[in-house]
N, C-alpha and C. Protein backbone atom coordinates (compact mmCIF):
# COMPACT_ATOMS: atom_id res chain seq x y z
N MET A 1 25.97 -5.94 5.60
CA MET A 1 24.99 -7.20 5.90
C MET A 1 23.68 -7.09 4.58
N ILE A 2 23.40 -7.62 3.85
CA ILE A 2 22.37 -7.84 2.90
C ILE A 2 21.42 -8.93 3.30
N THR A 3 19.97 -8.51 3.81
CA THR A 3 19.07 -9.39 4.13
C THR A 3 18.38 -10.01 3.27
N PRO A 4 18.25 -11.51 2.99
CA PRO A 4 17.50 -11.80 1.91
C PRO A 4 15.93 -11.48 2.44
N VAL A 5 15.14 -10.93 1.51
CA VAL A 5 14.00 -10.36 1.58
C VAL A 5 13.15 -10.86 0.01
N ASN A 6 11.87 -11.11 0.13
CA ASN A 6 10.90 -11.05 -1.19
C ASN A 6 10.85 -9.57 -1.35
N THR A 7 11.11 -9.22 -2.60
CA THR A 7 11.10 -8.20 -3.27
C THR A 7 9.44 -7.77 -3.01
N ALA A 8 8.75 -8.18 -3.51
CA ALA A 8 7.13 -7.83 -3.29
C ALA A 8 6.61 -7.70 -2.20
N THR A 9 7.10 -8.43 -1.02
CA THR A 9 6.84 -8.37 0.52
C THR A 9 7.73 -6.81 0.75
N ALA A 10 8.92 -6.43 0.54
CA ALA A 10 9.55 -5.35 0.96
C ALA A 10 8.51 -4.22 0.15
N LEU A 11 8.29 -4.22 -0.57
CA LEU A 11 7.79 -3.05 -1.52
C LEU A 11 6.25 -3.21 -1.12
N LEU A 12 5.57 -4.01 -0.79
CA LEU A 12 3.97 -3.90 -0.07
C LEU A 12 4.23 -3.50 1.35
N VAL A 13 5.23 -3.74 2.40
CA VAL A 13 5.28 -3.48 3.41
C VAL A 13 5.52 -1.68 3.29
N GLU A 14 6.43 -1.27 2.59
CA GLU A 14 7.12 0.20 2.20
C GLU A 14 5.90 0.86 2.04
N LEU A 15 4.99 0.18 0.90
CA LEU A 15 4.19 0.92 0.30
C LEU A 15 2.91 1.22 1.40
N ALA A 16 2.71 0.57 2.68
CA ALA A 16 1.77 0.71 3.27
C ALA A 16 2.16 1.91 4.41
N ARG A 17 3.25 2.77 3.93
CA ARG A 17 3.76 3.47 4.45
C ARG A 17 3.06 4.95 3.70
N GLY A 18 2.86 5.04 2.49
CA GLY A 18 2.57 5.95 1.73
C GLY A 18 3.14 5.62 -0.01
N PRO A 19 2.52 6.23 -0.48
CA PRO A 19 3.25 5.97 -2.43
C PRO A 19 4.37 6.31 -2.24
N GLY A 20 4.91 5.96 -3.44
CA GLY A 20 6.05 6.70 -3.67
C GLY A 20 6.13 5.70 -5.29
N TYR A 21 7.52 6.26 -5.69
CA TYR A 21 8.09 5.64 -7.09
C TYR A 21 9.35 4.90 -7.19
N GLY A 22 9.33 4.20 -8.09
CA GLY A 22 10.38 3.16 -8.20
C GLY A 22 11.73 3.37 -7.17
N LEU A 23 12.67 4.64 -7.42
CA LEU A 23 13.94 5.02 -6.65
C LEU A 23 13.45 4.95 -5.53
N ASP A 24 12.30 5.76 -5.27
CA ASP A 24 12.26 6.50 -3.89
C ASP A 24 11.68 4.87 -2.76
N LEU A 25 11.09 4.36 -3.48
CA LEU A 25 10.80 3.04 -2.87
C LEU A 25 12.20 2.27 -2.39
N ILE A 26 12.72 2.44 -3.23
CA ILE A 26 14.40 1.44 -3.04
C ILE A 26 14.82 1.81 -2.11
N GLU A 27 15.46 3.10 -2.25
CA GLU A 27 15.46 4.09 -0.94
C GLU A 27 14.73 4.26 0.47
N ARG A 28 13.68 3.83 0.47
CA ARG A 28 13.03 3.85 1.40
C ARG A 28 13.35 2.41 1.97
N VAL A 29 13.41 1.54 1.52
CA VAL A 29 13.23 0.18 1.94
C VAL A 29 14.84 0.20 2.36
N ARG A 30 15.65 0.66 1.73
CA ARG A 30 17.10 0.61 2.37
C ARG A 30 17.05 0.99 3.64
N VAL A 31 16.66 2.37 3.63
CA VAL A 31 16.65 3.16 4.95
C VAL A 31 15.66 2.40 6.23
N HIS A 32 14.55 1.98 6.02
CA HIS A 32 13.64 1.67 6.53
C HIS A 32 14.24 0.34 7.22
N GLY A 33 15.16 -0.65 6.70
CA GLY A 33 15.70 -1.62 6.60
C GLY A 33 16.86 -1.59 7.59
N GLY A 34 17.45 -0.26 7.89
CA GLY A 34 18.58 -0.19 8.40
C GLY A 34 20.07 -0.79 7.66
N GLY A 35 19.46 -0.43 6.11
CA GLY A 35 20.48 -0.59 5.18
C GLY A 35 20.78 -2.10 5.49
N ARG A 36 20.21 -2.81 5.29
CA ARG A 36 20.24 -4.25 5.63
C ARG A 36 19.84 -4.88 4.37
N ILE A 37 18.79 -4.29 3.74
CA ILE A 37 17.77 -4.50 2.54
C ILE A 37 17.92 -3.85 1.49
N LYS A 38 18.60 -4.50 0.40
CA LYS A 38 18.93 -3.61 -0.61
C LYS A 38 18.16 -3.74 -2.24
N LEU A 39 17.54 -3.41 -2.46
CA LEU A 39 16.74 -3.77 -3.77
C LEU A 39 17.40 -3.19 -4.71
N ARG A 40 17.27 -4.45 -5.88
CA ARG A 40 17.94 -3.49 -7.17
C ARG A 40 16.81 -3.29 -8.42
N GLN A 41 16.99 -2.18 -9.06
CA GLN A 41 16.03 -1.81 -10.01
C GLN A 41 15.71 -2.79 -10.88
N GLY A 42 16.62 -3.63 -11.20
CA GLY A 42 16.34 -4.54 -12.18
C GLY A 42 15.40 -5.53 -11.62
N VAL A 43 14.79 -5.61 -10.63
CA VAL A 43 13.90 -6.36 -9.91
C VAL A 43 12.62 -6.05 -9.39
N VAL A 44 12.86 -4.58 -9.11
CA VAL A 44 11.74 -3.79 -8.12
C VAL A 44 10.60 -3.40 -9.53
N TYR A 45 11.37 -3.15 -10.66
CA TYR A 45 9.85 -2.50 -11.53
C TYR A 45 9.75 -3.46 -12.07
N PRO A 46 10.11 -4.99 -12.48
CA PRO A 46 8.93 -5.83 -12.89
C PRO A 46 8.12 -6.40 -11.77
N THR A 47 8.75 -6.19 -10.74
CA THR A 47 7.84 -6.65 -9.56
C THR A 47 6.16 -5.41 -9.30
N LEU A 48 6.89 -4.09 -9.26
CA LEU A 48 5.69 -3.75 -9.62
C LEU A 48 4.65 -3.81 -10.54
N ARG A 49 5.27 -3.92 -11.49
CA ARG A 49 4.36 -4.74 -12.88
C ARG A 49 3.53 -5.27 -12.49
N ASP A 50 4.10 -6.65 -11.82
CA ASP A 50 3.20 -7.83 -11.30
C ASP A 50 2.46 -7.38 -10.62
N LEU A 51 2.47 -6.55 -9.28
CA LEU A 51 1.57 -6.39 -8.17
C LEU A 51 0.63 -5.31 -8.94
N LEU A 52 0.94 -4.43 -9.90
CA LEU A 52 -0.20 -3.89 -10.63
C LEU A 52 -1.08 -4.66 -11.61
N ARG A 53 -0.76 -5.95 -12.33
CA ARG A 53 -1.37 -7.00 -12.76
C ARG A 53 -2.31 -7.86 -11.72
N ARG A 54 -1.79 -7.77 -10.65
CA ARG A 54 -2.39 -8.71 -9.41
C ARG A 54 -3.77 -7.94 -8.87
N LYS A 55 -3.37 -6.41 -9.03
CA LYS A 55 -4.53 -5.33 -8.26
C LYS A 55 -4.12 -5.35 -7.30
N LEU A 56 -2.94 -5.16 -6.79
CA LEU A 56 -2.74 -4.98 -5.36
C LEU A 56 -1.93 -3.54 -5.07
N LEU A 57 -1.61 -2.78 -6.56
CA LEU A 57 -1.32 -1.85 -6.44
C LEU A 57 -2.08 -0.58 -7.65
N ARG A 58 -2.17 0.41 -7.53
CA ARG A 58 -2.48 1.15 -8.39
C ARG A 58 -1.40 2.35 -9.09
N SER A 59 -1.45 3.02 -10.24
CA SER A 59 -0.15 3.90 -10.40
C SER A 59 -0.64 5.18 -11.22
N TRP A 60 -0.28 5.95 -11.18
CA TRP A 60 -0.59 6.91 -12.04
C TRP A 60 0.84 7.73 -12.12
N SER A 61 0.99 8.47 -13.40
CA SER A 61 2.23 9.43 -13.89
C SER A 61 2.22 10.96 -13.60
N ILE A 62 3.35 11.22 -13.25
CA ILE A 62 3.62 12.49 -13.04
C ILE A 62 4.41 13.04 -14.23
N THR A 63 4.47 14.13 -14.55
CA THR A 63 5.91 14.87 -15.22
C THR A 63 6.00 16.16 -14.64
N THR A 64 7.03 16.40 -14.05
CA THR A 64 7.46 17.25 -13.27
C THR A 64 8.63 18.42 -14.53
N PRO A 65 8.29 19.45 -14.32
CA PRO A 65 8.68 20.93 -15.02
C PRO A 65 10.33 20.36 -15.21
N GLY A 66 11.00 20.39 -16.48
CA GLY A 66 12.04 19.91 -16.56
C GLY A 66 12.91 18.72 -16.36
N SER A 67 12.09 17.87 -16.17
CA SER A 67 12.57 16.33 -15.90
C SER A 67 12.15 15.72 -17.39
N GLY A 68 11.38 16.06 -18.07
CA GLY A 68 11.04 15.42 -19.44
C GLY A 68 10.63 14.15 -19.53
N ARG A 69 10.74 13.18 -18.26
CA ARG A 69 10.27 12.05 -18.39
C ARG A 69 8.75 12.09 -17.25
N PRO A 70 7.91 11.31 -17.42
CA PRO A 70 7.16 11.13 -16.43
C PRO A 70 7.49 10.29 -15.40
N ARG A 71 7.30 10.63 -14.04
CA ARG A 71 7.68 9.24 -12.59
C ARG A 71 6.24 8.77 -12.87
N THR A 72 6.37 7.08 -12.39
CA THR A 72 5.16 6.78 -12.16
C THR A 72 4.95 6.29 -10.53
N TYR A 73 3.84 7.08 -10.06
CA TYR A 73 3.85 6.83 -8.66
C TYR A 73 2.90 5.33 -8.09
N PHE A 74 3.24 4.56 -7.24
CA PHE A 74 2.50 3.20 -7.00
C PHE A 74 1.67 3.63 -5.40
N ASP A 75 0.56 3.11 -5.45
CA ASP A 75 0.00 3.08 -4.01
C ASP A 75 -0.84 1.74 -4.02
N LEU A 76 -1.11 1.41 -2.69
CA LEU A 76 -1.71 -0.14 -2.80
C LEU A 76 -3.24 0.22 -2.82
N THR A 77 -3.78 -0.50 -3.29
CA THR A 77 -5.08 -0.83 -3.69
C THR A 77 -5.80 -1.22 -1.95
N PRO A 78 -7.33 -1.51 -1.69
CA PRO A 78 -7.65 -1.99 -0.66
C PRO A 78 -6.84 -3.42 -0.33
N SER A 79 -7.00 -4.29 -1.34
CA SER A 79 -6.31 -5.63 -1.49
C SER A 79 -5.06 -5.77 -1.18
N GLY A 80 -4.20 -4.63 -1.64
CA GLY A 80 -2.89 -4.91 -1.40
C GLY A 80 -2.46 -3.78 0.03
N LEU A 81 -3.48 -3.32 0.54
CA LEU A 81 -3.05 -2.97 1.81
C LEU A 81 -3.49 -3.69 2.81
N ALA A 82 -4.57 -4.74 2.70
CA ALA A 82 -4.65 -5.80 3.70
C ALA A 82 -3.76 -6.78 3.54
N LEU A 83 -3.06 -7.39 2.15
CA LEU A 83 -1.91 -8.25 2.40
C LEU A 83 -1.10 -7.48 2.74
N ALA A 84 -0.50 -6.01 2.57
CA ALA A 84 1.07 -5.65 3.05
C ALA A 84 0.89 -5.68 4.83
N GLN A 85 -0.39 -5.32 5.33
CA GLN A 85 -0.52 -5.22 6.82
C GLN A 85 -0.11 -6.89 7.43
N ALA A 86 -0.83 -7.90 6.62
CA ALA A 86 -0.58 -9.25 7.09
C ALA A 86 1.02 -9.68 7.12
N LEU A 87 1.55 -9.18 5.48
CA LEU A 87 3.11 -9.16 6.17
C LEU A 87 3.78 -8.82 7.00
N ARG A 88 3.52 -7.43 7.09
CA ARG A 88 4.30 -6.93 8.51
C ARG A 88 4.05 -7.25 9.45
N ASP A 89 2.64 -7.63 9.77
CA ASP A 89 2.51 -8.71 11.05
C ASP A 89 3.17 -9.80 10.96
N THR A 90 3.40 -10.72 9.76
CA THR A 90 4.22 -12.19 9.94
C THR A 90 5.36 -11.93 10.39
N LEU A 91 6.25 -10.45 9.64
CA LEU A 91 7.40 -10.01 9.77
C LEU A 91 7.64 -9.58 11.08
N THR A 92 6.70 -8.98 11.65
CA THR A 92 7.35 -8.43 13.20
C THR A 92 7.23 -9.48 14.18
N GLY A 93 6.14 -10.60 13.65
CA GLY A 93 6.24 -11.88 14.46
C GLY A 93 7.35 -12.74 14.45
N PHE A 94 8.08 -12.47 13.28
CA PHE A 94 9.73 -13.17 13.27
C PHE A 94 10.59 -12.82 13.95
N ALA A 95 10.34 -11.02 13.86
CA ALA A 95 11.86 -10.40 14.23
C ALA A 95 11.47 -9.91 16.27
N ALA A 96 10.30 -10.76 16.16
CA ALA A 96 9.93 -10.23 17.90
C ALA A 96 11.20 -11.43 18.79
N LYS A 97 12.07 -10.74 19.78
CA LYS A 97 12.73 -11.54 20.42
C LYS A 97 12.22 -12.65 21.04
N THR A 98 10.81 -12.64 21.62
CA THR A 98 10.62 -13.76 22.21
C THR A 98 9.58 -14.09 21.57
N ALA A 99 9.08 -15.61 21.46
CA ALA A 99 7.98 -15.93 20.64
C ALA A 99 6.72 -15.75 21.25
N PRO A 100 5.81 -15.30 20.66
CA PRO A 100 4.60 -15.24 21.12
C PRO A 100 3.78 -15.95 21.99
N HIS A 101 4.39 -17.25 21.29
CA HIS A 101 3.33 -18.67 21.89
C HIS A 101 4.20 -19.39 22.26
N ARG A 102 5.04 -18.99 23.22
CA ARG A 102 6.07 -20.00 23.87
C ARG A 102 5.19 -21.43 24.64
N PRO A 103 5.74 -22.36 24.47
CA PRO A 103 5.17 -23.56 25.15
C PRO A 103 5.20 -23.59 26.66
N THR A 104 4.51 -24.45 27.14
CA THR A 104 4.74 -24.41 28.57
C THR A 104 5.58 -25.49 28.81
N THR A 105 6.13 -25.36 30.14
CA THR A 105 6.79 -26.78 30.63
C THR A 105 6.19 -28.04 30.26
N ALA A 106 4.82 -28.12 30.59
CA ALA A 106 4.16 -29.22 30.49
C ALA A 106 3.96 -29.75 29.02
N GLN A 107 3.59 -28.64 28.16
CA GLN A 107 3.42 -28.91 26.82
C GLN A 107 4.77 -29.54 25.98
N LEU A 108 6.21 -28.75 26.80
CA LEU A 108 7.51 -29.56 26.20
C LEU A 108 7.21 -31.00 26.51
N ARG A 109 6.89 -30.90 27.84
CA ARG A 109 7.31 -32.46 28.33
C ARG A 109 6.32 -33.43 27.58
N VAL A 110 5.14 -32.85 27.27
CA VAL A 110 4.41 -33.87 26.67
C VAL A 110 4.74 -34.24 25.03
N MET A 111 5.44 -33.29 24.79
CA MET A 111 5.87 -33.05 23.14
C MET A 111 7.11 -34.04 23.35
N GLY A 112 8.01 -34.16 24.37
CA GLY A 112 8.81 -34.88 24.42
C GLY A 112 8.57 -36.54 24.55
N GLU A 113 7.40 -36.66 25.38
CA GLU A 113 7.20 -37.79 25.42
C GLU A 113 6.34 -38.40 23.97
N ARG A 114 5.68 -37.82 23.12
CA ARG A 114 5.48 -37.98 21.93
C ARG A 114 6.56 -38.24 20.97
N LEU A 115 7.55 -37.53 21.10
CA LEU A 115 8.52 -37.48 20.31
C LEU A 115 9.61 -39.01 20.49
N PHE A 116 9.61 -39.49 21.99
CA PHE A 116 10.15 -40.92 22.05
C PHE A 116 9.23 -42.26 21.68
N GLU A 117 7.91 -41.69 22.01
CA GLU A 117 6.98 -42.70 21.58
C GLU A 117 7.25 -43.10 20.14
N CYS A 118 7.29 -41.84 18.98
CA CYS A 118 7.37 -42.02 17.74
C CYS A 118 8.77 -42.59 17.52
N GLY A 119 9.73 -42.34 18.05
CA GLY A 119 11.10 -42.91 18.00
C GLY A 119 10.75 -44.75 18.31
N GLU A 120 9.80 -45.09 19.46
CA GLU A 120 9.95 -46.37 19.55
C GLU A 120 8.82 -46.89 18.23
N VAL A 121 7.87 -46.48 17.81
CA VAL A 121 7.04 -46.66 16.96
C VAL A 121 7.98 -47.06 15.57
N SER A 122 9.00 -46.31 15.43
CA SER A 122 9.87 -46.06 14.13
C SER A 122 10.94 -47.63 14.50
N GLU A 123 11.38 -47.27 15.67
CA GLU A 123 12.41 -48.71 15.82
C GLU A 123 11.58 -49.91 15.60
N ALA A 124 10.49 -50.19 16.27
CA ALA A 124 9.62 -51.25 15.70
C ALA A 124 9.32 -51.60 14.05
N ALA A 125 8.95 -50.52 13.67
CA ALA A 125 8.51 -50.41 12.62
C ALA A 125 9.84 -51.16 11.30
N LEU A 126 10.78 -50.42 11.89
CA LEU A 126 12.21 -50.97 11.46
C LEU A 126 12.53 -52.34 11.52
N TRP A 127 12.32 -53.04 12.60
CA TRP A 127 12.61 -54.20 12.93
C TRP A 127 11.70 -55.16 12.34
N LEU A 128 10.52 -54.76 12.47
CA LEU A 128 9.44 -55.58 11.22
C LEU A 128 9.92 -55.62 9.82
N ARG A 129 10.44 -54.82 9.31
CA ARG A 129 10.70 -54.50 7.98
C ARG A 129 11.99 -55.46 7.50
N ARG A 130 13.04 -55.21 8.82
CA ARG A 130 14.04 -56.22 8.36
C ARG A 130 13.61 -57.79 8.83
N ALA A 131 12.81 -58.27 9.45
CA ALA A 131 12.45 -59.07 9.81
C ALA A 131 11.55 -59.72 8.66
N GLY A 132 10.88 -59.15 8.09
CA GLY A 132 9.94 -59.36 6.72
C GLY A 132 11.11 -59.76 5.83
N LYS A 133 12.01 -58.93 5.69
CA LYS A 133 13.03 -58.98 4.47
C LYS A 133 14.00 -60.18 4.65
N GLY A 134 14.25 -60.70 5.86
CA GLY A 134 14.93 -62.11 6.34
C GLY A 134 14.09 -63.37 5.91
N ALA A 135 12.78 -63.35 6.05
CA ALA A 135 11.83 -64.16 5.84
C ALA A 135 11.59 -64.53 4.38
N GLY A 136 12.08 -63.76 3.68
CA GLY A 136 11.92 -64.14 2.07
C GLY A 136 10.70 -63.34 1.31
N HIS A 137 10.54 -62.37 2.14
CA HIS A 137 9.10 -61.62 1.60
C HIS A 137 9.72 -60.76 0.58
């Protein structure tokens, strides 16, 4: 199963673990996502460029002997790290098995009463609307 996830979010959260290059990041996201998150190169590289433009990442290139082509590595800037941590906290909250701020029984009762009152108000508003249309307004 492939889990839908925003590519930028996945990359930022993964880069919080440490720097990496495109294909490395794709594999790391797949592994850390338990195989449920699969990013495509055709989306990852434009997203990395966008994150660079937004100054959330910094990059540098290294040419390894025999490879011929430089490999571009990416790392988070301080603002990128702050955003990545906030995103990770949000995702962790969504993934939690129990809601961190579960309403009490009293709060649930008050919510139910408010919903009932809203229903009564809506019903009265509809009645007035119908009555107004019947009076030629």
